[in-house]
Amino acid sequence: MAKAAEKVQEFRAEANFQRSSPQKTKLVLDLIKGKRVEAAINIVHFSTKRIAPVVEKVLRSAIQNANYESQEKGLDIDVDNLYVRTAVANEGPRLKRLRPAPMGRAFRYQRRMVHIIITVAEKKAPVTAAKAGEDSAAPAAKKKTAAKKTAAKKTAAKKTAKK
């Protein structure tokens, strides 16, 4: 019987009410999703987008949250082994503004805001079959592939016999 999977410890940081549109922020966040934190910091640091310094600040904050909690709770967390698990840009409130238009009219436009949420987690080493022991699903998968191969050989033999 296999052991129950351990719950992955996540650490997050937020930056609310940032003056950028969610669409523009998602362009930067999509670059770092799933990357190791060291690579993600480098990517964001050298990005030319205006929101990139804010994203870098939030990412560094999430890493420090992981470091702080590992020290406070006595968790065994390797900060070098962290990766960006989620990076989300949620829409915040909009500032509605007016712009002068010709003939005494006014055009309305909206200044968008974004809430940035970044979650980091520790990447666990993949468990191999030798470490975990034999799973009940592994032998069944081997049997299915063997059955498919023999069936393929039989059909190939029938086709050559017909010619």
N, C-alpha and C. Protein backbone atom coordinates (compact mmCIF):
# COMPACT_ATOMS: atom_id res chain seq x y z
N MET A 1 0.84 -1.17 0.00
CA MET A 1 0.00 0.00 0.00
C MET A 1 0.89 1.24 0.00
N ALA A 2 0.61 2.20 -0.86
CA ALA A 2 1.43 3.40 -0.98
C ALA A 2 1.10 4.38 0.13
N LYS A 3 2.12 5.13 0.53
CA LYS A 3 1.91 6.16 1.56
C LYS A 3 1.11 7.31 0.97
N ALA A 4 0.40 8.02 1.85
CA ALA A 4 -0.36 9.19 1.41
C ALA A 4 0.63 10.28 1.00
N ALA A 5 0.32 10.98 -0.08
CA ALA A 5 1.21 12.02 -0.57
C ALA A 5 1.27 13.18 0.42
N GLU A 6 2.50 13.67 0.64
CA GLU A 6 2.67 14.80 1.55
C GLU A 6 2.12 16.06 0.91
N LYS A 7 1.54 16.92 1.76
CA LYS A 7 1.03 18.18 1.26
C LYS A 7 2.20 19.12 1.01
N VAL A 8 2.22 19.73 -0.15
CA VAL A 8 3.30 20.63 -0.50
C VAL A 8 3.08 21.96 0.20
N GLN A 9 4.11 22.44 0.89
CA GLN A 9 4.04 23.71 1.60
C GLN A 9 4.19 24.85 0.59
N GLU A 10 3.24 25.78 0.61
CA GLU A 10 3.27 26.92 -0.30
C GLU A 10 3.48 28.21 0.49
N PHE A 11 4.14 29.16 -0.14
CA PHE A 11 4.37 30.47 0.48
C PHE A 11 3.98 31.52 -0.54
N ARG A 12 3.23 32.52 -0.09
CA ARG A 12 2.73 33.50 -1.05
C ARG A 12 2.98 34.91 -0.61
N ALA A 13 2.91 35.81 -1.59
CA ALA A 13 3.04 37.24 -1.35
C ALA A 13 2.10 37.95 -2.30
N GLU A 14 1.59 39.10 -1.86
CA GLU A 14 0.63 39.86 -2.66
C GLU A 14 1.07 41.31 -2.77
N ALA A 15 0.67 41.93 -3.86
CA ALA A 15 0.79 43.38 -4.03
C ALA A 15 -0.55 43.84 -4.59
N ASN A 16 -1.29 44.55 -3.76
CA ASN A 16 -2.63 44.99 -4.16
C ASN A 16 -2.63 46.42 -4.67
N PHE A 17 -3.59 46.73 -5.51
CA PHE A 17 -3.84 48.08 -6.02
C PHE A 17 -2.64 48.67 -6.76
N GLN A 18 -2.01 47.88 -7.61
CA GLN A 18 -0.91 48.37 -8.42
C GLN A 18 -1.46 49.01 -9.69
N ARG A 19 -0.89 50.13 -10.09
CA ARG A 19 -1.41 50.88 -11.22
C ARG A 19 -0.87 50.33 -12.54
N SER A 20 -1.46 49.26 -12.98
CA SER A 20 -1.17 48.65 -14.28
C SER A 20 -2.38 47.80 -14.63
N SER A 21 -2.55 47.52 -15.89
CA SER A 21 -3.69 46.69 -16.25
C SER A 21 -3.33 45.21 -16.03
N PRO A 22 -4.33 44.40 -15.71
CA PRO A 22 -4.06 42.97 -15.52
C PRO A 22 -3.48 42.31 -16.77
N GLN A 23 -3.92 42.76 -17.93
CA GLN A 23 -3.44 42.17 -19.18
C GLN A 23 -1.93 42.38 -19.34
N LYS A 24 -1.45 43.57 -19.03
CA LYS A 24 -0.02 43.86 -19.16
C LYS A 24 0.79 43.13 -18.09
N THR A 25 0.20 42.99 -16.92
CA THR A 25 0.89 42.30 -15.83
C THR A 25 1.01 40.81 -16.12
N LYS A 26 -0.02 40.23 -16.73
CA LYS A 26 0.00 38.80 -17.05
C LYS A 26 1.11 38.46 -18.04
N LEU A 27 1.49 39.41 -18.89
CA LEU A 27 2.59 39.17 -19.82
C LEU A 27 3.89 38.87 -19.08
N VAL A 28 4.12 39.59 -17.98
CA VAL A 28 5.32 39.37 -17.19
C VAL A 28 5.19 38.10 -16.35
N LEU A 29 4.01 37.89 -15.76
CA LEU A 29 3.82 36.73 -14.89
C LEU A 29 3.90 35.41 -15.66
N ASP A 30 3.45 35.41 -16.91
CA ASP A 30 3.51 34.19 -17.72
C ASP A 30 4.96 33.77 -18.01
N LEU A 31 5.88 34.73 -17.97
CA LEU A 31 7.29 34.42 -18.21
C LEU A 31 7.90 33.61 -17.07
N ILE A 32 7.37 33.80 -15.85
CA ILE A 32 8.02 33.17 -14.68
C ILE A 32 7.28 31.98 -14.11
N LYS A 33 6.08 31.70 -14.58
CA LYS A 33 5.32 30.56 -14.04
C LYS A 33 6.07 29.26 -14.25
N GLY A 34 6.20 28.47 -13.18
CA GLY A 34 6.84 27.18 -13.26
C GLY A 34 8.35 27.20 -13.25
N LYS A 35 8.96 28.37 -13.25
CA LYS A 35 10.42 28.49 -13.26
C LYS A 35 10.96 28.42 -11.83
N ARG A 36 12.23 28.06 -11.70
CA ARG A 36 12.90 28.13 -10.40
C ARG A 36 13.03 29.60 -10.02
N VAL A 37 13.05 29.89 -8.72
CA VAL A 37 13.01 31.29 -8.28
C VAL A 37 14.23 32.07 -8.75
N GLU A 38 15.39 31.44 -8.79
CA GLU A 38 16.59 32.14 -9.24
C GLU A 38 16.45 32.59 -10.69
N ALA A 39 15.97 31.70 -11.54
CA ALA A 39 15.76 32.03 -12.95
C ALA A 39 14.65 33.07 -13.09
N ALA A 40 13.60 32.95 -12.28
CA ALA A 40 12.48 33.89 -12.36
C ALA A 40 12.92 35.30 -11.98
N ILE A 41 13.76 35.43 -10.96
CA ILE A 41 14.26 36.75 -10.57
C ILE A 41 15.08 37.37 -11.70
N ASN A 42 15.93 36.56 -12.33
CA ASN A 42 16.73 37.06 -13.45
C ASN A 42 15.84 37.51 -14.62
N ILE A 43 14.84 36.73 -14.93
CA ILE A 43 13.94 37.08 -16.04
C ILE A 43 13.23 38.40 -15.77
N VAL A 44 12.70 38.53 -14.56
CA VAL A 44 11.94 39.74 -14.22
C VAL A 44 12.87 40.94 -14.10
N HIS A 45 14.07 40.73 -13.57
CA HIS A 45 15.00 41.84 -13.38
C HIS A 45 15.40 42.48 -14.72
N PHE A 46 15.54 41.66 -15.74
CA PHE A 46 15.96 42.17 -17.04
C PHE A 46 14.80 42.42 -18.00
N SER A 47 13.58 42.33 -17.51
CA SER A 47 12.42 42.62 -18.34
C SER A 47 12.28 44.13 -18.50
N THR A 48 11.80 44.56 -19.67
CA THR A 48 11.67 45.99 -19.94
C THR A 48 10.27 46.52 -19.62
N LYS A 49 9.38 45.68 -19.15
CA LYS A 49 8.02 46.11 -18.83
C LYS A 49 8.02 46.98 -17.58
N ARG A 50 7.10 47.94 -17.53
CA ARG A 50 7.05 48.87 -16.41
C ARG A 50 6.64 48.21 -15.10
N ILE A 51 5.87 47.15 -15.16
CA ILE A 51 5.39 46.47 -13.96
C ILE A 51 6.43 45.47 -13.43
N ALA A 52 7.48 45.20 -14.17
CA ALA A 52 8.47 44.17 -13.80
C ALA A 52 9.12 44.42 -12.44
N PRO A 53 9.51 45.63 -12.07
CA PRO A 53 10.09 45.83 -10.73
C PRO A 53 9.12 45.48 -9.60
N VAL A 54 7.85 45.73 -9.79
CA VAL A 54 6.85 45.39 -8.78
C VAL A 54 6.72 43.88 -8.66
N VAL A 55 6.72 43.19 -9.80
CA VAL A 55 6.63 41.73 -9.81
C VAL A 55 7.87 41.15 -9.12
N GLU A 56 9.04 41.72 -9.39
CA GLU A 56 10.27 41.25 -8.75
C GLU A 56 10.19 41.42 -7.23
N LYS A 57 9.65 42.54 -6.80
CA LYS A 57 9.51 42.80 -5.37
C LYS A 57 8.59 41.78 -4.70
N VAL A 58 7.49 41.46 -5.37
CA VAL A 58 6.54 40.48 -4.83
C VAL A 58 7.19 39.09 -4.80
N LEU A 59 7.93 38.75 -5.83
CA LEU A 59 8.61 37.45 -5.89
C LEU A 59 9.63 37.32 -4.76
N ARG A 60 10.42 38.36 -4.56
CA ARG A 60 11.40 38.35 -3.47
C ARG A 60 10.70 38.25 -2.11
N SER A 61 9.56 38.89 -1.98
CA SER A 61 8.79 38.82 -0.74
C SER A 61 8.30 37.41 -0.47
N ALA A 62 7.84 36.72 -1.51
CA ALA A 62 7.38 35.34 -1.35
C ALA A 62 8.54 34.43 -0.92
N ILE A 63 9.72 34.67 -1.48
CA ILE A 63 10.89 33.88 -1.10
C ILE A 63 11.26 34.13 0.35
N GLN A 64 11.21 35.40 0.76
CA GLN A 64 11.51 35.73 2.16
C GLN A 64 10.47 35.15 3.10
N ASN A 65 9.20 35.11 2.66
CA ASN A 65 8.16 34.47 3.48
C ASN A 65 8.48 33.00 3.69
N ALA A 66 8.95 32.34 2.65
CA ALA A 66 9.32 30.93 2.77
C ALA A 66 10.50 30.76 3.73
N ASN A 67 11.48 31.64 3.60
CA ASN A 67 12.66 31.58 4.46
C ASN A 67 12.27 31.82 5.92
N TYR A 68 11.43 32.82 6.16
CA TYR A 68 11.01 33.17 7.52
C TYR A 68 10.21 32.03 8.16
N GLU A 69 9.26 31.48 7.41
CA GLU A 69 8.43 30.41 7.98
C GLU A 69 9.23 29.15 8.23
N SER A 70 10.23 28.88 7.38
CA SER A 70 11.05 27.70 7.60
C SER A 70 11.86 27.85 8.89
N GLN A 71 12.29 29.07 9.20
CA GLN A 71 13.03 29.30 10.44
C GLN A 71 12.11 29.29 11.65
N GLU A 72 10.95 29.91 11.53
CA GLU A 72 10.03 30.02 12.67
C GLU A 72 9.40 28.68 13.05
N LYS A 73 8.95 27.95 12.05
CA LYS A 73 8.27 26.69 12.31
C LYS A 73 9.21 25.49 12.33
N GLY A 74 10.47 25.74 12.03
CA GLY A 74 11.43 24.64 12.03
C GLY A 74 11.25 23.68 10.86
N LEU A 75 10.73 24.19 9.75
CA LEU A 75 10.55 23.34 8.57
C LEU A 75 11.88 23.18 7.84
N ASP A 76 12.04 22.08 7.17
CA ASP A 76 13.25 21.83 6.41
C ASP A 76 12.99 22.22 4.96
N ILE A 77 13.20 23.51 4.66
CA ILE A 77 12.92 24.02 3.31
C ILE A 77 14.21 24.57 2.71
N ASP A 78 14.53 24.09 1.52
CA ASP A 78 15.70 24.56 0.79
C ASP A 78 15.25 25.70 -0.12
N VAL A 79 15.70 26.92 0.20
CA VAL A 79 15.26 28.09 -0.57
C VAL A 79 15.76 28.02 -2.01
N ASP A 80 16.90 27.34 -2.23
CA ASP A 80 17.42 27.20 -3.59
C ASP A 80 16.58 26.26 -4.43
N ASN A 81 15.73 25.46 -3.78
CA ASN A 81 14.92 24.46 -4.48
C ASN A 81 13.49 24.94 -4.70
N LEU A 82 13.21 26.22 -4.48
CA LEU A 82 11.86 26.76 -4.66
C LEU A 82 11.59 27.05 -6.13
N TYR A 83 10.32 26.96 -6.51
CA TYR A 83 9.91 27.35 -7.85
C TYR A 83 8.60 28.14 -7.76
N VAL A 84 8.29 28.88 -8.81
CA VAL A 84 7.07 29.69 -8.85
C VAL A 84 5.92 28.76 -9.19
N ARG A 85 5.06 28.50 -8.22
CA ARG A 85 3.95 27.57 -8.44
C ARG A 85 2.81 28.27 -9.17
N THR A 86 2.39 29.43 -8.65
CA THR A 86 1.34 30.20 -9.33
C THR A 86 1.74 31.67 -9.35
N ALA A 87 1.32 32.35 -10.38
CA ALA A 87 1.52 33.79 -10.51
C ALA A 87 0.26 34.33 -11.16
N VAL A 88 -0.52 35.10 -10.39
CA VAL A 88 -1.84 35.52 -10.83
C VAL A 88 -1.94 37.04 -10.79
N ALA A 89 -2.60 37.61 -11.79
CA ALA A 89 -2.90 39.03 -11.82
C ALA A 89 -4.41 39.19 -11.84
N ASN A 90 -4.99 39.53 -10.69
CA ASN A 90 -6.43 39.74 -10.60
C ASN A 90 -6.76 41.20 -10.80
N GLU A 91 -7.93 41.44 -11.36
CA GLU A 91 -8.33 42.81 -11.62
C GLU A 91 -8.76 43.49 -10.33
N GLY A 92 -8.27 44.71 -10.14
CA GLY A 92 -8.65 45.51 -8.98
C GLY A 92 -9.71 46.52 -9.38
N PRO A 93 -9.97 47.49 -8.51
CA PRO A 93 -10.97 48.52 -8.86
C PRO A 93 -10.47 49.41 -9.98
N ARG A 94 -11.39 50.03 -10.67
CA ARG A 94 -11.03 50.92 -11.77
C ARG A 94 -11.29 52.36 -11.36
N LEU A 95 -10.38 53.23 -11.74
CA LEU A 95 -10.58 54.66 -11.54
C LEU A 95 -11.22 55.22 -12.80
N LYS A 96 -12.39 55.79 -12.66
CA LYS A 96 -13.08 56.34 -13.82
C LYS A 96 -12.73 57.81 -13.96
N ARG A 97 -12.25 58.17 -15.15
CA ARG A 97 -11.77 59.52 -15.39
C ARG A 97 -12.45 60.10 -16.63
N LEU A 98 -12.40 61.42 -16.74
CA LEU A 98 -12.96 62.11 -17.90
C LEU A 98 -11.85 62.84 -18.65
N ARG A 99 -11.98 62.86 -19.97
CA ARG A 99 -11.01 63.55 -20.81
C ARG A 99 -11.77 64.55 -21.67
N PRO A 100 -11.29 65.78 -21.77
CA PRO A 100 -11.98 66.76 -22.61
C PRO A 100 -12.03 66.31 -24.08
N ALA A 101 -13.14 66.55 -24.70
CA ALA A 101 -13.33 66.17 -26.10
C ALA A 101 -13.81 67.41 -26.86
N PRO A 102 -13.80 67.35 -28.17
CA PRO A 102 -14.22 68.52 -28.97
C PRO A 102 -15.67 68.92 -28.70
N MET A 103 -15.97 70.18 -28.92
CA MET A 103 -17.32 70.75 -28.83
C MET A 103 -17.91 70.61 -27.43
N GLY A 104 -17.05 70.74 -26.42
CA GLY A 104 -17.54 70.76 -25.04
C GLY A 104 -17.95 69.42 -24.47
N ARG A 105 -17.68 68.36 -25.18
CA ARG A 105 -18.04 67.03 -24.68
C ARG A 105 -16.91 66.46 -23.82
N ALA A 106 -17.17 65.30 -23.23
CA ALA A 106 -16.16 64.62 -22.43
C ALA A 106 -16.17 63.13 -22.75
N PHE A 107 -14.99 62.57 -22.85
CA PHE A 107 -14.85 61.13 -23.05
C PHE A 107 -14.46 60.50 -21.73
N ARG A 108 -15.13 59.37 -21.41
CA ARG A 108 -14.78 58.64 -20.20
C ARG A 108 -13.71 57.60 -20.52
N TYR A 109 -12.78 57.43 -19.61
CA TYR A 109 -11.82 56.33 -19.72
C TYR A 109 -11.55 55.80 -18.32
N GLN A 110 -10.95 54.61 -18.28
CA GLN A 110 -10.75 53.95 -16.99
C GLN A 110 -9.27 53.66 -16.77
N ARG A 111 -8.82 53.95 -15.54
CA ARG A 111 -7.47 53.59 -15.13
C ARG A 111 -7.59 52.28 -14.36
N ARG A 112 -6.97 51.25 -14.88
CA ARG A 112 -7.11 49.93 -14.27
C ARG A 112 -6.07 49.70 -13.17
N MET A 113 -6.44 48.82 -12.25
CA MET A 113 -5.53 48.40 -11.18
C MET A 113 -5.47 46.88 -11.16
N VAL A 114 -4.42 46.37 -10.54
CA VAL A 114 -4.21 44.93 -10.52
C VAL A 114 -3.77 44.49 -9.13
N HIS A 115 -4.20 43.29 -8.76
CA HIS A 115 -3.72 42.62 -7.54
C HIS A 115 -2.83 41.48 -8.00
N ILE A 116 -1.56 41.51 -7.61
CA ILE A 116 -0.60 40.49 -8.02
C ILE A 116 -0.41 39.51 -6.87
N ILE A 117 -0.56 38.22 -7.16
CA ILE A 117 -0.38 37.17 -6.17
C ILE A 117 0.62 36.15 -6.73
N ILE A 118 1.71 35.93 -5.99
CA ILE A 118 2.72 34.96 -6.41
C ILE A 118 2.87 33.93 -5.30
N THR A 119 2.82 32.66 -5.69
CA THR A 119 2.97 31.55 -4.74
C THR A 119 4.20 30.74 -5.14
N VAL A 120 5.07 30.48 -4.16
CA VAL A 120 6.24 29.63 -4.41
C VAL A 120 6.12 28.38 -3.56
N ALA A 121 6.69 27.29 -4.05
CA ALA A 121 6.68 26.02 -3.32
C ALA A 121 8.00 25.31 -3.58
N GLU A 122 8.29 24.35 -2.73
CA GLU A 122 9.52 23.59 -2.88
C GLU A 122 9.29 22.44 -3.84
N LYS A 123 10.19 22.32 -4.79
CA LYS A 123 10.09 21.24 -5.78
C LYS A 123 10.69 19.99 -5.17
N LYS A 124 9.87 18.97 -5.06
CA LYS A 124 10.33 17.71 -4.50
C LYS A 124 11.00 16.89 -5.59
N ALA A 125 11.97 16.07 -5.20
CA ALA A 125 12.62 15.18 -6.16
C ALA A 125 11.62 14.13 -6.60
N PRO A 126 11.60 13.77 -7.87
CA PRO A 126 10.65 12.76 -8.34
C PRO A 126 10.92 11.42 -7.68
N VAL A 127 9.85 10.76 -7.27
CA VAL A 127 9.96 9.46 -6.61
C VAL A 127 10.04 8.38 -7.69
N THR A 128 11.11 7.60 -7.66
CA THR A 128 11.26 6.53 -8.65
C THR A 128 10.57 5.28 -8.14
N ALA A 129 10.36 4.33 -9.03
CA ALA A 129 9.68 3.08 -8.67
C ALA A 129 10.51 2.27 -7.69
N ALA A 130 11.85 2.36 -7.79
CA ALA A 130 12.72 1.61 -6.88
C ALA A 130 12.57 2.12 -5.45
N LYS A 131 12.43 3.46 -5.30
CA LYS A 131 12.29 4.04 -3.97
C LYS A 131 10.91 3.77 -3.40
N ALA A 132 9.90 3.91 -4.21
CA ALA A 132 8.52 3.79 -3.73
C ALA A 132 8.09 2.33 -3.59
N GLY A 133 8.84 1.41 -4.17
CA GLY A 133 8.41 0.01 -4.18
C GLY A 133 7.54 -0.23 -5.40
N GLU A 134 7.13 -1.45 -5.60
CA GLU A 134 6.30 -1.76 -6.75
C GLU A 134 4.88 -1.26 -6.54
N ASP A 135 4.41 -0.45 -7.45
CA ASP A 135 3.02 0.00 -7.41
C ASP A 135 2.16 -1.03 -8.12
N SER A 136 0.92 -1.10 -7.75
CA SER A 136 0.02 -2.05 -8.38
C SER A 136 -0.32 -1.64 -9.81
N ALA A 137 -0.23 -0.33 -10.10
CA ALA A 137 -0.57 0.17 -11.44
C ALA A 137 0.56 -0.11 -12.44
N ALA A 138 1.79 -0.17 -11.99
CA ALA A 138 2.93 -0.33 -12.90
C ALA A 138 2.90 -1.67 -13.63
N PRO A 139 2.68 -2.82 -12.97
CA PRO A 139 2.65 -4.08 -13.73
C PRO A 139 1.49 -4.13 -14.72
N ALA A 140 0.35 -3.53 -14.38
CA ALA A 140 -0.79 -3.55 -15.29
C ALA A 140 -0.46 -2.78 -16.56
N ALA A 141 0.27 -1.68 -16.45
CA ALA A 141 0.64 -0.90 -17.62
C ALA A 141 1.58 -1.70 -18.51
N LYS A 142 2.48 -2.48 -17.90
CA LYS A 142 3.41 -3.29 -18.69
C LYS A 142 2.66 -4.37 -19.45
N LYS A 143 1.66 -4.97 -18.83
CA LYS A 143 0.89 -6.03 -19.49
C LYS A 143 0.14 -5.49 -20.69
N LYS A 144 -0.43 -4.29 -20.56
CA LYS A 144 -1.20 -3.70 -21.66
C LYS A 144 -0.31 -3.43 -22.86
N THR A 145 0.88 -2.89 -22.64
CA THR A 145 1.76 -2.61 -23.76
C THR A 145 2.22 -3.88 -24.43
N ALA A 146 2.46 -4.93 -23.66
CA ALA A 146 2.88 -6.21 -24.24
C ALA A 146 1.76 -6.79 -25.10
N ALA A 147 0.52 -6.68 -24.65
CA ALA A 147 -0.62 -7.19 -25.40
C ALA A 147 -0.78 -6.44 -26.72
N LYS A 148 -0.56 -5.14 -26.71
CA LYS A 148 -0.68 -4.35 -27.93
C LYS A 148 0.38 -4.74 -28.94
N LYS A 149 1.59 -5.00 -28.47
CA LYS A 149 2.67 -5.35 -29.38
C LYS A 149 2.40 -6.69 -30.08
N THR A 150 1.90 -7.66 -29.34
CA THR A 150 1.64 -8.96 -29.95
C THR A 150 0.50 -8.86 -30.96
N ALA A 151 -0.50 -8.06 -30.67
CA ALA A 151 -1.61 -7.88 -31.60
C ALA A 151 -1.12 -7.21 -32.88
N ALA A 152 -0.21 -6.27 -32.77
CA ALA A 152 0.32 -5.59 -33.94
C ALA A 152 1.12 -6.57 -34.80
N LYS A 153 1.86 -7.46 -34.18
CA LYS A 153 2.64 -8.44 -34.93
C LYS A 153 1.72 -9.39 -35.70
N LYS A 154 0.61 -9.81 -35.10
CA LYS A 154 -0.32 -10.72 -35.75
C LYS A 154 -0.94 -10.08 -36.98
N THR A 155 -1.35 -8.82 -36.88
CA THR A 155 -1.97 -8.16 -38.03
C THR A 155 -0.95 -7.97 -39.15
N ALA A 156 0.29 -7.69 -38.80
CA ALA A 156 1.32 -7.54 -39.82
C ALA A 156 1.58 -8.87 -40.53
N ALA A 157 1.53 -9.96 -39.79
CA ALA A 157 1.74 -11.27 -40.37
C ALA A 157 0.59 -11.63 -41.32
N LYS A 158 -0.64 -11.30 -40.98
CA LYS A 158 -1.80 -11.58 -41.82
C LYS A 158 -1.70 -10.81 -43.13
N LYS A 159 -1.27 -9.55 -43.09
CA LYS A 159 -1.17 -8.74 -44.30
C LYS A 159 -0.13 -9.30 -45.26
N THR A 160 0.99 -9.76 -44.73
CA THR A 160 2.02 -10.33 -45.61
C THR A 160 1.56 -11.65 -46.21
N ALA A 161 0.77 -12.43 -45.46
CA ALA A 161 0.29 -13.73 -45.96
C ALA A 161 -0.70 -13.53 -47.10
N LYS A 162 -1.52 -12.48 -47.05
CA LYS A 162 -2.50 -12.22 -48.12
C LYS A 162 -1.86 -11.85 -49.43
N LYS A 163 -0.72 -11.21 -49.38
CA LYS A 163 -0.05 -10.77 -50.62
C LYS A 163 0.50 -11.96 -51.30
